[in-house]
Every structure is written in structure tokens, then in C-alpha cells.
Amino acid sequence: MAQAPLSAVGFHAQQAVEKALKAVSALHEIETRRTHDLVALAQALLDAGCAVPFELESLRRLNPFAVEMRYEEEFELVTSRQELTETVQSVLAWAEYIIFNSASGRAPT
């Protein structure tokens, strides 16, 4: 079975992380600007006092997949399939925890 190109996997990874960050921001009523910049989205959460259990650098490496991959002819991949997987799993697990605990009446962290 052939593997999907890393550029395609990265695009979908970036989108998943972006939507998770925006979901947690919306849940906490944190206003964010319209952006695909994952670091800016995470920074808005941090500025509002919401802890994030992942490094901003891992998000920075996903950012190029949102725009550059689609619109620029030359695109340098700066991450691996393994790192993409780990970042997405970390962010989605965190967002799920925050959203579930908020929906169940528990105080999210």
C-alpha cells in the first residue's frame, strides 16, 4: 500500500490542530483573529491563562502546511511523519479533555 505524500498528511494535520485550538478558544470565549497560524492561536490561549501541554515549536513546524504547501512552488518540509502524528495526537487529546470536562461540568485546566 502506498503512503500519502507527507505534504498531504501535513496539510490535514495542520487543519486538525487548527480546528482543535479554535474549538478550545471558542469554548473559553477567547477571541482570535482569522488565521491559520497555529502559534498565534496557541498564544491567544496562553495569554488568556489556558495552559497548553505542547511546545509552540511543534506547532510552528505545522504552519507551512496551511498556506505555503498549497500556494508556493518550492516548499521545504521541516518535520517528519512521526512528529506530525505525535503533535496531532497531543493537541487532539488535550482539546478532547478540555471539551469533555467542560461539557460534564468539571472545571477544565
PDB file of N, CA and C in Angstrom:
ATOM      1  N   MET A   1       0.844  -1.170   0.000  1.00  0.00           N
ATOM      2  CA  MET A   1       0.000   0.000   0.000  1.00  0.00           C
ATOM      3  C   MET A   1       0.896   1.242   0.000  1.00  0.00           C
ATOM      4  N   ALA A   2       0.617   2.176  -0.872  1.00  0.00           N
ATOM      5  CA  ALA A   2       1.394   3.416  -0.964  1.00  0.00           C
ATOM      6  C   ALA A   2       0.964   4.380   0.139  1.00  0.00           C
ATOM      7  N   GLN A   3       1.938   5.103   0.667  1.00  0.00           N
ATOM      8  CA  GLN A   3       1.639   6.108   1.683  1.00  0.00           C
ATOM      9  C   GLN A   3       1.302   7.428   1.014  1.00  0.00           C
ATOM     10  N   ALA A   4       0.417   8.179   1.663  1.00  0.00           N
ATOM     11  CA  ALA A   4       0.095   9.520   1.173  1.00  0.00           C
ATOM     12  C   ALA A   4       1.335  10.398   1.279  1.00  0.00           C
ATOM     13  N   PRO A   5       1.488  11.335   0.365  1.00  0.00           N
ATOM     14  CA  PRO A   5       2.636  12.252   0.455  1.00  0.00           C
ATOM     15  C   PRO A   5       2.623  13.012   1.780  1.00  0.00           C
ATOM     16  N   LEU A   6       3.801  13.265   2.317  1.00  0.00           N
ATOM     17  CA  LEU A   6       3.914  13.978   3.581  1.00  0.00           C
ATOM     18  C   LEU A   6       3.250  15.352   3.497  1.00  0.00           C
ATOM     19  N   SER A   7       3.300  15.981   2.350  1.00  0.00           N
ATOM     20  CA  SER A   7       2.667  17.296   2.205  1.00  0.00           C
ATOM     21  C   SER A   7       1.158  17.210   2.422  1.00  0.00           C
ATOM     22  N   ALA A   8       0.527  16.148   1.943  1.00  0.00           N
ATOM     23  CA  ALA A   8      -0.918  15.969   2.139  1.00  0.00           C
ATOM     24  C   ALA A   8      -1.233  15.636   3.595  1.00  0.00           C
ATOM     25  N   VAL A   9      -0.441  14.768   4.182  1.00  0.00           N
ATOM     26  CA  VAL A   9      -0.630  14.413   5.593  1.00  0.00           C
ATOM     27  C   VAL A   9      -0.442  15.656   6.456  1.00  0.00           C
ATOM     28  N   GLY A  10       0.577  16.442   6.149  1.00  0.00           N
ATOM     29  CA  GLY A  10       0.841  17.664   6.902  1.00  0.00           C
ATOM     30  C   GLY A  10      -0.289  18.668   6.801  1.00  0.00           C
ATOM     31  N   PHE A  11      -0.873  18.793   5.618  1.00  0.00           N
ATOM     32  CA  PHE A  11      -1.996  19.714   5.444  1.00  0.00           C
ATOM     33  C   PHE A  11      -3.145  19.325   6.363  1.00  0.00           C
ATOM     34  N   HIS A  12      -3.508  18.044   6.359  1.00  0.00           N
ATOM     35  CA  HIS A  12      -4.626  17.593   7.187  1.00  0.00           C
ATOM     36  C   HIS A  12      -4.280  17.639   8.674  1.00  0.00           C
ATOM     37  N   ALA A  13      -3.034  17.400   9.018  1.00  0.00           N
ATOM     38  CA  ALA A  13      -2.592  17.522  10.405  1.00  0.00           C
ATOM     39  C   ALA A  13      -2.728  18.969  10.868  1.00  0.00           C
ATOM     40  N   GLN A  14      -2.275  19.896  10.033  1.00  0.00           N
ATOM     41  CA  GLN A  14      -2.373  21.324  10.373  1.00  0.00           C
ATOM     42  C   GLN A  14      -3.831  21.716  10.568  1.00  0.00           C
ATOM     43  N   GLN A  15      -4.688  21.263   9.681  1.00  0.00           N
ATOM     44  CA  GLN A  15      -6.111  21.604   9.775  1.00  0.00           C
ATOM     45  C   GLN A  15      -6.743  21.043  11.048  1.00  0.00           C
ATOM     46  N   ALA A  16      -6.399  19.810  11.408  1.00  0.00           N
ATOM     47  CA  ALA A  16      -6.942  19.196  12.623  1.00  0.00           C
ATOM     48  C   ALA A  16      -6.520  19.979  13.864  1.00  0.00           C
ATOM     49  N   VAL A  17      -5.249  20.346  13.918  1.00  0.00           N
ATOM     50  CA  VAL A  17      -4.743  21.104  15.062  1.00  0.00           C
ATOM     51  C   VAL A  17      -5.373  22.495  15.099  1.00  0.00           C
ATOM     52  N   GLU A  18      -5.489  23.130  13.951  1.00  0.00           N
ATOM     53  CA  GLU A  18      -6.116  24.457  13.896  1.00  0.00           C
ATOM     54  C   GLU A  18      -7.536  24.415  14.435  1.00  0.00           C
ATOM     55  N   LYS A  19      -8.319  23.430  14.009  1.00  0.00           N
ATOM     56  CA  LYS A  19      -9.710  23.338  14.448  1.00  0.00           C
ATOM     57  C   LYS A  19      -9.791  23.022  15.941  1.00  0.00           C
ATOM     58  N   ALA A  20      -8.873  22.200  16.455  1.00  0.00           N
ATOM     59  CA  ALA A  20      -8.872  21.885  17.890  1.00  0.00           C
ATOM     60  C   ALA A  20      -8.570  23.133  18.714  1.00  0.00           C
ATOM     61  N   LEU A  21      -7.566  23.910  18.291  1.00  0.00           N
ATOM     62  CA  LEU A  21      -7.227  25.137  19.002  1.00  0.00           C
ATOM     63  C   LEU A  21      -8.385  26.135  18.960  1.00  0.00           C
ATOM     64  N   LYS A  22      -9.027  26.243  17.814  1.00  0.00           N
ATOM     65  CA  LYS A  22     -10.159  27.162  17.685  1.00  0.00           C
ATOM     66  C   LYS A  22     -11.358  26.691  18.502  1.00  0.00           C
ATOM     67  N   ALA A  23     -11.560  25.379  18.622  1.00  0.00           N
ATOM     68  CA  ALA A  23     -12.661  24.854  19.429  1.00  0.00           C
ATOM     69  C   ALA A  23     -12.467  25.199  20.900  1.00  0.00           C
ATOM     70  N   VAL A  24     -11.248  25.015  21.398  1.00  0.00           N
ATOM     71  CA  VAL A  24     -10.968  25.348  22.798  1.00  0.00           C
ATOM     72  C   VAL A  24     -11.075  26.854  23.005  1.00  0.00           C
ATOM     73  N   SER A  25     -10.616  27.631  22.055  1.00  0.00           N
ATOM     74  CA  SER A  25     -10.748  29.092  22.154  1.00  0.00           C
ATOM     75  C   SER A  25     -12.215  29.497  22.211  1.00  0.00           C
ATOM     76  N   ALA A  26     -13.030  28.915  21.367  1.00  0.00           N
ATOM     77  CA  ALA A  26     -14.462  29.241  21.354  1.00  0.00           C
ATOM     78  C   ALA A  26     -15.128  28.829  22.668  1.00  0.00           C
ATOM     79  N   LEU A  27     -14.755  27.663  23.173  1.00  0.00           N
ATOM     80  CA  LEU A  27     -15.308  27.183  24.429  1.00  0.00           C
ATOM     81  C   LEU A  27     -15.025  28.162  25.567  1.00  0.00           C
ATOM     82  N   HIS A  28     -13.822  28.716  25.585  1.00  0.00           N
ATOM     83  CA  HIS A  28     -13.414  29.667  26.625  1.00  0.00           C
ATOM     84  C   HIS A  28     -13.740  31.111  26.252  1.00  0.00           C
ATOM     85  N   GLU A  29     -14.435  31.294  25.142  1.00  0.00           N
ATOM     86  CA  GLU A  29     -14.822  32.622  24.659  1.00  0.00           C
ATOM     87  C   GLU A  29     -13.620  33.543  24.483  1.00  0.00           C
ATOM     88  N   ILE A  30     -12.552  32.957  23.933  1.00  0.00           N
ATOM     89  CA  ILE A  30     -11.339  33.702  23.644  1.00  0.00           C
ATOM     90  C   ILE A  30     -11.396  34.141  22.183  1.00  0.00           C
ATOM     91  N   GLU A  31     -11.357  35.432  21.976  1.00  0.00           N
ATOM     92  CA  GLU A  31     -11.393  35.936  20.611  1.00  0.00           C
ATOM     93  C   GLU A  31     -10.039  35.731  19.951  1.00  0.00           C
ATOM     94  N   THR A  32     -10.071  35.211  18.743  1.00  0.00           N
ATOM     95  CA  THR A  32      -8.855  35.038  17.961  1.00  0.00           C
ATOM     96  C   THR A  32      -9.083  35.674  16.599  1.00  0.00           C
ATOM     97  N   ARG A  33      -8.000  36.139  16.016  1.00  0.00           N
ATOM     98  CA  ARG A  33      -8.128  36.704  14.673  1.00  0.00           C
ATOM     99  C   ARG A  33      -8.257  35.564  13.669  1.00  0.00           C
ATOM    100  N   ARG A  34      -8.772  35.866  12.512  1.00  0.00           N
ATOM    101  CA  ARG A  34      -8.885  34.849  11.460  1.00  0.00           C
ATOM    102  C   ARG A  34      -7.488  34.544  10.958  1.00  0.00           C
ATOM    103  N   THR A  35      -7.027  33.350  11.250  1.00  0.00           N
ATOM    104  CA  THR A  35      -5.674  32.987  10.872  1.00  0.00           C
ATOM    105  C   THR A  35      -5.535  31.481  10.796  1.00  0.00           C
ATOM    106  N   HIS A  36      -4.528  31.053  10.052  1.00  0.00           N
ATOM    107  CA  HIS A  36      -4.140  29.637  10.029  1.00  0.00           C
ATOM    108  C   HIS A  36      -2.881  29.434  10.880  1.00  0.00           C
ATOM    109  N   ASP A  37      -2.400  30.504  11.507  1.00  0.00           N
ATOM    110  CA  ASP A  37      -1.166  30.475  12.287  1.00  0.00           C
ATOM    111  C   ASP A  37      -1.414  29.772  13.623  1.00  0.00           C
ATOM    112  N   LEU A  38      -0.934  28.544  13.748  1.00  0.00           N
ATOM    113  CA  LEU A  38      -1.163  27.752  14.946  1.00  0.00           C
ATOM    114  C   LEU A  38      -0.490  28.355  16.171  1.00  0.00           C
ATOM    115  N   VAL A  39       0.662  28.949  15.981  1.00  0.00           N
ATOM    116  CA  VAL A  39       1.368  29.568  17.108  1.00  0.00           C
ATOM    117  C   VAL A  39       0.559  30.752  17.638  1.00  0.00           C
ATOM    118  N   ALA A  40       0.005  31.556  16.758  1.00  0.00           N
ATOM    119  CA  ALA A  40      -0.811  32.697  17.186  1.00  0.00           C
ATOM    120  C   ALA A  40      -2.057  32.219  17.926  1.00  0.00           C
ATOM    121  N   LEU A  41      -2.658  31.144  17.445  1.00  0.00           N
ATOM    122  CA  LEU A  41      -3.844  30.600  18.116  1.00  0.00           C
ATOM    123  C   LEU A  41      -3.494  30.070  19.504  1.00  0.00           C
ATOM    124  N   ALA A  42      -2.398  29.348  19.611  1.00  0.00           N
ATOM    125  CA  ALA A  42      -1.974  28.823  20.908  1.00  0.00           C
ATOM    126  C   ALA A  42      -1.567  29.965  21.840  1.00  0.00           C
ATOM    127  N   GLN A  43      -0.921  30.979  21.298  1.00  0.00           N
ATOM    128  CA  GLN A  43      -0.513  32.122  22.121  1.00  0.00           C
ATOM    129  C   GLN A  43      -1.727  32.845  22.679  1.00  0.00           C
ATOM    130  N   ALA A  44      -2.793  32.941  21.912  1.00  0.00           N
ATOM    131  CA  ALA A  44      -4.023  33.571  22.410  1.00  0.00           C
ATOM    132  C   ALA A  44      -4.571  32.786  23.600  1.00  0.00           C
ATOM    133  N   LEU A  45      -4.490  31.466  23.538  1.00  0.00           N
ATOM    134  CA  LEU A  45      -4.919  30.630  24.661  1.00  0.00           C
ATOM    135  C   LEU A  45      -4.029  30.875  25.879  1.00  0.00           C
ATOM    136  N   LEU A  46      -2.728  30.892  25.654  1.00  0.00           N
ATOM    137  CA  LEU A  46      -1.790  31.141  26.752  1.00  0.00           C
ATOM    138  C   LEU A  46      -2.015  32.514  27.379  1.00  0.00           C
ATOM    139  N   ASP A  47      -2.210  33.522  26.538  1.00  0.00           N
ATOM    140  CA  ASP A  47      -2.435  34.887  27.025  1.00  0.00           C
ATOM    141  C   ASP A  47      -3.700  34.981  27.879  1.00  0.00           C
ATOM    142  N   ALA A  48      -4.664  34.103  27.603  1.00  0.00           N
ATOM    143  CA  ALA A  48      -5.923  34.093  28.356  1.00  0.00           C
ATOM    144  C   ALA A  48      -5.829  33.207  29.602  1.00  0.00           C
ATOM    145  N   GLY A  49      -4.641  32.634  29.837  1.00  0.00           N
ATOM    146  CA  GLY A  49      -4.449  31.828  31.034  1.00  0.00           C
ATOM    147  C   GLY A  49      -4.750  30.357  30.875  1.00  0.00           C
ATOM    148  N   CYS A  50      -4.906  29.909  29.656  1.00  0.00           N
ATOM    149  CA  CYS A  50      -5.192  28.497  29.380  1.00  0.00           C
ATOM    150  C   CYS A  50      -3.867  27.769  29.126  1.00  0.00           C
ATOM    151  N   ALA A  51      -3.569  26.772  29.926  1.00  0.00           N
ATOM    152  CA  ALA A  51      -2.323  26.016  29.759  1.00  0.00           C
ATOM    153  C   ALA A  51      -2.414  25.102  28.548  1.00  0.00           C
ATOM    154  N   VAL A  52      -1.338  25.003  27.807  1.00  0.00           N
ATOM    155  CA  VAL A  52      -1.272  24.072  26.679  1.00  0.00           C
ATOM    156  C   VAL A  52      -0.116  23.108  26.918  1.00  0.00           C
ATOM    157  N   PRO A  53      -0.354  21.804  26.787  1.00  0.00           N
ATOM    158  CA  PRO A  53       0.676  20.816  27.124  1.00  0.00           C
ATOM    159  C   PRO A  53       1.564  20.410  25.954  1.00  0.00           C
ATOM    160  N   PHE A  54       1.851  21.340  25.073  1.00  0.00           N
ATOM    161  CA  PHE A  54       2.696  21.037  23.923  1.00  0.00           C
ATOM    162  C   PHE A  54       3.548  22.249  23.614  1.00  0.00           C
ATOM    163  N   GLU A  55       4.643  22.001  22.924  1.00  0.00           N
ATOM    164  CA  GLU A  55       5.582  23.069  22.597  1.00  0.00           C
ATOM    165  C   GLU A  55       5.079  23.877  21.403  1.00  0.00           C
ATOM    166  N   LEU A  56       5.208  25.180  21.485  1.00  0.00           N
ATOM    167  CA  LEU A  56       4.817  26.032  20.359  1.00  0.00           C
ATOM    168  C   LEU A  56       5.663  25.730  19.127  1.00  0.00           C
ATOM    169  N   GLU A  57       6.892  25.279  19.330  1.00  0.00           N
ATOM    170  CA  GLU A  57       7.759  24.957  18.194  1.00  0.00           C
ATOM    171  C   GLU A  57       7.163  23.828  17.347  1.00  0.00           C
ATOM    172  N   SER A  58       6.514  22.869  17.976  1.00  0.00           N
ATOM    173  CA  SER A  58       5.905  21.787  17.198  1.00  0.00           C
ATOM    174  C   SER A  58       4.766  22.322  16.336  1.00  0.00           C
ATOM    175  N   LEU A  59       4.072  23.341  16.822  1.00  0.00           N
ATOM    176  CA  LEU A  59       3.012  23.978  16.028  1.00  0.00           C
ATOM    177  C   LEU A  59       3.619  24.801  14.902  1.00  0.00           C
ATOM    178  N   ARG A  60       4.728  25.463  15.197  1.00  0.00           N
ATOM    179  CA  ARG A  60       5.405  26.294  14.182  1.00  0.00           C
ATOM    180  C   ARG A  60       5.787  25.437  12.969  1.00  0.00           C
ATOM    181  N   ARG A  61       6.191  24.208  13.201  1.00  0.00           N
ATOM    182  CA  ARG A  61       6.589  23.333  12.092  1.00  0.00           C
ATOM    183  C   ARG A  61       5.390  22.874  11.255  1.00  0.00           C
ATOM    184  N   LEU A  62       4.194  22.990  11.797  1.00  0.00           N
ATOM    185  CA  LEU A  62       2.987  22.647  11.025  1.00  0.00           C
ATOM    186  C   LEU A  62       2.482  23.822  10.194  1.00  0.00           C
ATOM    187  N   ASN A  63       2.795  25.042  10.606  1.00  0.00           N
ATOM    188  CA  ASN A  63       2.258  26.227   9.939  1.00  0.00           C
ATOM    189  C   ASN A  63       2.428  26.243   8.418  1.00  0.00           C
ATOM    190  N   PRO A  64       3.587  25.883   7.887  1.00  0.00           N
ATOM    191  CA  PRO A  64       3.744  25.969   6.426  1.00  0.00           C
ATOM    192  C   PRO A  64       2.762  25.095   5.641  1.00  0.00           C
ATOM    193  N   PHE A  65       2.258  24.055   6.241  1.00  0.00           N
ATOM    194  CA  PHE A  65       1.334  23.173   5.533  1.00  0.00           C
ATOM    195  C   PHE A  65      -0.001  23.846   5.235  1.00  0.00           C
ATOM    196  N   ALA A  66      -0.339  24.908   5.960  1.00  0.00           N
ATOM    197  CA  ALA A  66      -1.630  25.573   5.779  1.00  0.00           C
ATOM    198  C   ALA A  66      -1.680  26.402   4.513  1.00  0.00           C
ATOM    199  N   VAL A  67      -0.610  27.107   4.211  1.00  0.00           N
ATOM    200  CA  VAL A  67      -0.642  28.049   3.087  1.00  0.00           C
ATOM    201  C   VAL A  67       0.461  27.754   2.088  1.00  0.00           C
ATOM    202  N   GLU A  68       1.686  27.705   2.574  1.00  0.00           N
ATOM    203  CA  GLU A  68       2.828  27.564   1.669  1.00  0.00           C
ATOM    204  C   GLU A  68       2.724  26.324   0.792  1.00  0.00           C
ATOM    205  N   MET A  69       2.293  25.209   1.379  1.00  0.00           N
ATOM    206  CA  MET A  69       2.211  23.976   0.619  1.00  0.00           C
ATOM    207  C   MET A  69       1.257  24.110  -0.562  1.00  0.00           C
ATOM    208  N   ARG A  70       0.192  24.857  -0.368  1.00  0.00           N
ATOM    209  CA  ARG A  70      -0.815  24.978  -1.421  1.00  0.00           C
ATOM    210  C   ARG A  70      -0.484  26.028  -2.470  1.00  0.00           C
ATOM    211  N   TYR A  71       0.258  27.067  -2.101  1.00  0.00           N
ATOM    212  CA  TYR A  71       0.401  28.208  -2.995  1.00  0.00           C
ATOM    213  C   TYR A  71       1.817  28.500  -3.467  1.00  0.00           C
ATOM    214  N   GLU A  72       2.807  27.893  -2.860  1.00  0.00           N
ATOM    215  CA  GLU A  72       4.177  28.163  -3.279  1.00  0.00           C
ATOM    216  C   GLU A  72       4.739  26.961  -4.023  1.00  0.00           C
ATOM    217  N   GLU A  73       5.477  27.230  -5.068  1.00  0.00           N
ATOM    218  CA  GLU A  73       6.042  26.149  -5.866  1.00  0.00           C
ATOM    219  C   GLU A  73       7.110  25.383  -5.101  1.00  0.00           C
ATOM    220  N   GLU A  74       7.953  26.096  -4.380  1.00  0.00           N
ATOM    221  CA  GLU A  74       9.004  25.444  -3.601  1.00  0.00           C
ATOM    222  C   GLU A  74       8.583  25.423  -2.148  1.00  0.00           C
ATOM    223  N   PHE A  75       8.557  24.233  -1.591  1.00  0.00           N
ATOM    224  CA  PHE A  75       8.086  24.047  -0.231  1.00  0.00           C
ATOM    225  C   PHE A  75       9.021  23.083   0.469  1.00  0.00           C
ATOM    226  N   GLU A  76       9.656  23.553   1.523  1.00  0.00           N
ATOM    227  CA  GLU A  76      10.604  22.722   2.259  1.00  0.00           C
ATOM    228  C   GLU A  76       9.900  22.077   3.450  1.00  0.00           C
ATOM    229  N   LEU A  77       9.890  20.746   3.493  1.00  0.00           N
ATOM    230  CA  LEU A  77       9.290  20.034   4.613  1.00  0.00           C
ATOM    231  C   LEU A  77      10.240  20.110   5.801  1.00  0.00           C
ATOM    232  N   VAL A  78       9.721  20.551   6.946  1.00  0.00           N
ATOM    233  CA  VAL A  78      10.566  20.753   8.117  1.00  0.00           C
ATOM    234  C   VAL A  78      10.150  19.846   9.275  1.00  0.00           C
ATOM    235  N   THR A  79       9.480  18.775   8.975  1.00  0.00           N
ATOM    236  CA  THR A  79       9.016  17.864  10.005  1.00  0.00           C
ATOM    237  C   THR A  79       8.932  16.460   9.427  1.00  0.00           C
ATOM    238  N   SER A  80       8.686  15.511  10.275  1.00  0.00           N
ATOM    239  CA  SER A  80       8.573  14.114   9.838  1.00  0.00           C
ATOM    240  C   SER A  80       7.149  13.618  10.053  1.00  0.00           C
ATOM    241  N   ARG A  81       6.839  12.520   9.431  1.00  0.00           N
ATOM    242  CA  ARG A  81       5.530  11.883   9.601  1.00  0.00           C
ATOM    243  C   ARG A  81       5.301  11.555  11.085  1.00  0.00           C
ATOM    244  N   GLN A  82       6.332  11.072  11.762  1.00  0.00           N
ATOM    245  CA  GLN A  82       6.230  10.727  13.182  1.00  0.00           C
ATOM    246  C   GLN A  82       5.927  11.970  14.030  1.00  0.00           C
ATOM    247  N   GLU A  83       6.625  13.055  13.746  1.00  0.00           N
ATOM    248  CA  GLU A  83       6.383  14.282  14.503  1.00  0.00           C
ATOM    249  C   GLU A  83       4.971  14.816  14.245  1.00  0.00           C
ATOM    250  N   LEU A  84       4.517  14.740  13.012  1.00  0.00           N
ATOM    251  CA  LEU A  84       3.142  15.157  12.698  1.00  0.00           C
ATOM    252  C   LEU A  84       2.154  14.360  13.535  1.00  0.00           C
ATOM    253  N   THR A  85       2.339  13.059  13.557  1.00  0.00           N
ATOM    254  CA  THR A  85       1.443  12.171  14.298  1.00  0.00           C
ATOM    255  C   THR A  85       1.440  12.519  15.784  1.00  0.00           C
ATOM    256  N   GLU A  86       2.620  12.690  16.357  1.00  0.00           N
ATOM    257  CA  GLU A  86       2.725  12.990  17.786  1.00  0.00           C
ATOM    258  C   GLU A  86       2.086  14.333  18.128  1.00  0.00           C
ATOM    259  N   THR A  87       2.299  15.329  17.298  1.00  0.00           N
ATOM    260  CA  THR A  87       1.727  16.649  17.550  1.00  0.00           C
ATOM    261  C   THR A  87       0.212  16.606  17.482  1.00  0.00           C
ATOM    262  N   VAL A  88      -0.319  15.977  16.439  1.00  0.00           N
ATOM    263  CA  VAL A  88      -1.775  15.898  16.289  1.00  0.00           C
ATOM    264  C   VAL A  88      -2.386  15.125  17.459  1.00  0.00           C
ATOM    265  N   GLN A  89      -1.802  14.008  17.812  1.00  0.00           N
ATOM    266  CA  GLN A  89      -2.332  13.220  18.926  1.00  0.00           C
ATOM    267  C   GLN A  89      -2.329  14.012  20.227  1.00  0.00           C
ATOM    268  N   SER A  90      -1.260  14.737  20.480  1.00  0.00           N
ATOM    269  CA  SER A  90      -1.150  15.524  21.700  1.00  0.00           C
ATOM    270  C   SER A  90      -2.199  16.624  21.754  1.00  0.00           C
ATOM    271  N   VAL A  91      -2.321  17.386  20.681  1.00  0.00           N
ATOM    272  CA  VAL A  91      -3.258  18.512  20.663  1.00  0.00           C
ATOM    273  C   VAL A  91      -4.698  18.016  20.712  1.00  0.00           C
ATOM    274  N   LEU A  92      -5.021  16.985  19.951  1.00  0.00           N
ATOM    275  CA  LEU A  92      -6.399  16.487  19.942  1.00  0.00           C
ATOM    276  C   LEU A  92      -6.785  15.872  21.290  1.00  0.00           C
ATOM    277  N   ALA A  93      -5.878  15.151  21.928  1.00  0.00           N
ATOM    278  CA  ALA A  93      -6.172  14.570  23.245  1.00  0.00           C
ATOM    279  C   ALA A  93      -6.423  15.682  24.266  1.00  0.00           C
ATOM    280  N   TRP A  94      -5.591  16.728  24.219  1.00  0.00           N
ATOM    281  CA  TRP A  94      -5.763  17.877  25.112  1.00  0.00           C
ATOM    282  C   TRP A  94      -7.107  18.553  24.872  1.00  0.00           C
ATOM    283  N   ALA A  95      -7.426  18.837  23.609  1.00  0.00           N
ATOM    284  CA  ALA A  95      -8.689  19.515  23.282  1.00  0.00           C
ATOM    285  C   ALA A  95      -9.885  18.660  23.697  1.00  0.00           C
ATOM    286  N   GLU A  96      -9.802  17.368  23.451  1.00  0.00           N
ATOM    287  CA  GLU A  96     -10.894  16.471  23.846  1.00  0.00           C
ATOM    288  C   GLU A  96     -11.091  16.505  25.366  1.00  0.00           C
ATOM    289  N   TYR A  97      -9.997  16.487  26.112  1.00  0.00           N
ATOM    290  CA  TYR A  97     -10.072  16.545  27.567  1.00  0.00           C
ATOM    291  C   TYR A  97     -10.746  17.839  28.021  1.00  0.00           C
ATOM    292  N   ILE A  98     -10.303  18.961  27.465  1.00  0.00           N
ATOM    293  CA  ILE A  98     -10.863  20.263  27.842  1.00  0.00           C
ATOM    294  C   ILE A  98     -12.356  20.309  27.521  1.00  0.00           C
ATOM    295  N   ILE A  99     -12.718  19.898  26.329  1.00  0.00           N
ATOM    296  CA  ILE A  99     -14.121  19.970  25.886  1.00  0.00           C
ATOM    297  C   ILE A  99     -14.992  19.003  26.677  1.00  0.00           C
ATOM    298  N   PHE A 100     -14.529  17.770  26.886  1.00  0.00           N
ATOM    299  CA  PHE A 100     -15.298  16.790  27.643  1.00  0.00           C
ATOM    300  C   PHE A 100     -15.526  17.260  29.069  1.00  0.00           C
ATOM    301  N   ASN A 101     -14.470  17.736  29.720  1.00  0.00           N
ATOM    302  CA  ASN A 101     -14.603  18.168  31.108  1.00  0.00           C
ATOM    303  C   ASN A 101     -15.474  19.403  31.238  1.00  0.00           C
ATOM    304  N   SER A 102     -15.470  20.254  30.242  1.00  0.00           N
ATOM    305  CA  SER A 102     -16.344  21.416  30.272  1.00  0.00           C
ATOM    306  C   SER A 102     -17.799  20.985  30.114  1.00  0.00           C
ATOM    307  N   ALA A 103     -18.055  20.038  29.199  1.00  0.00           N
ATOM    308  CA  ALA A 103     -19.417  19.568  28.944  1.00  0.00           C
ATOM    309  C   ALA A 103     -19.973  18.793  30.142  1.00  0.00           C
ATOM    310  N   SER A 104     -19.105  18.147  30.912  1.00  0.00           N
ATOM    311  CA  SER A 104     -19.555  17.340  32.033  1.00  0.00           C
ATOM    312  C   SER A 104     -19.677  18.174  33.315  1.00  0.00           C
ATOM    313  N   GLY A 105     -19.360  19.463  33.239  1.00  0.00           N
ATOM    314  CA  GLY A 105     -19.479  20.332  34.395  1.00  0.00           C
ATOM    315  C   GLY A 105     -18.235  20.416  35.236  1.00  0.00           C
ATOM    316  N   ARG A 106     -17.200  19.649  34.885  1.00  0.00           N
ATOM    317  CA  ARG A 106     -15.929  19.723  35.613  1.00  0.00           C
ATOM    318  C   ARG A 106     -15.162  20.953  35.143  1.00  0.00           C
ATOM    319  N   ALA A 107     -14.373  21.474  36.018  1.00  0.00           N
ATOM    320  CA  ALA A 107     -13.569  22.642  35.652  1.00  0.00           C
ATOM    321  C   ALA A 107     -12.401  22.209  34.775  1.00  0.00           C
ATOM    322  N   PRO A 108     -12.322  22.693  33.521  1.00  0.00           N
ATOM    323  CA  PRO A 108     -11.184  22.333  32.669  1.00  0.00           C
ATOM    324  C   PRO A 108      -9.917  23.032  33.125  1.00  0.00           C
ATOM    325  N   THR A 109      -8.787  22.417  32.800  1.00  0.00           N
ATOM    326  CA  THR A 109      -7.491  23.013  33.140  1.00  0.00           C
ATOM    327  C   THR A 109      -6.830  23.551  31.910  1.00  0.00           C
TER     328      THR A 109
END
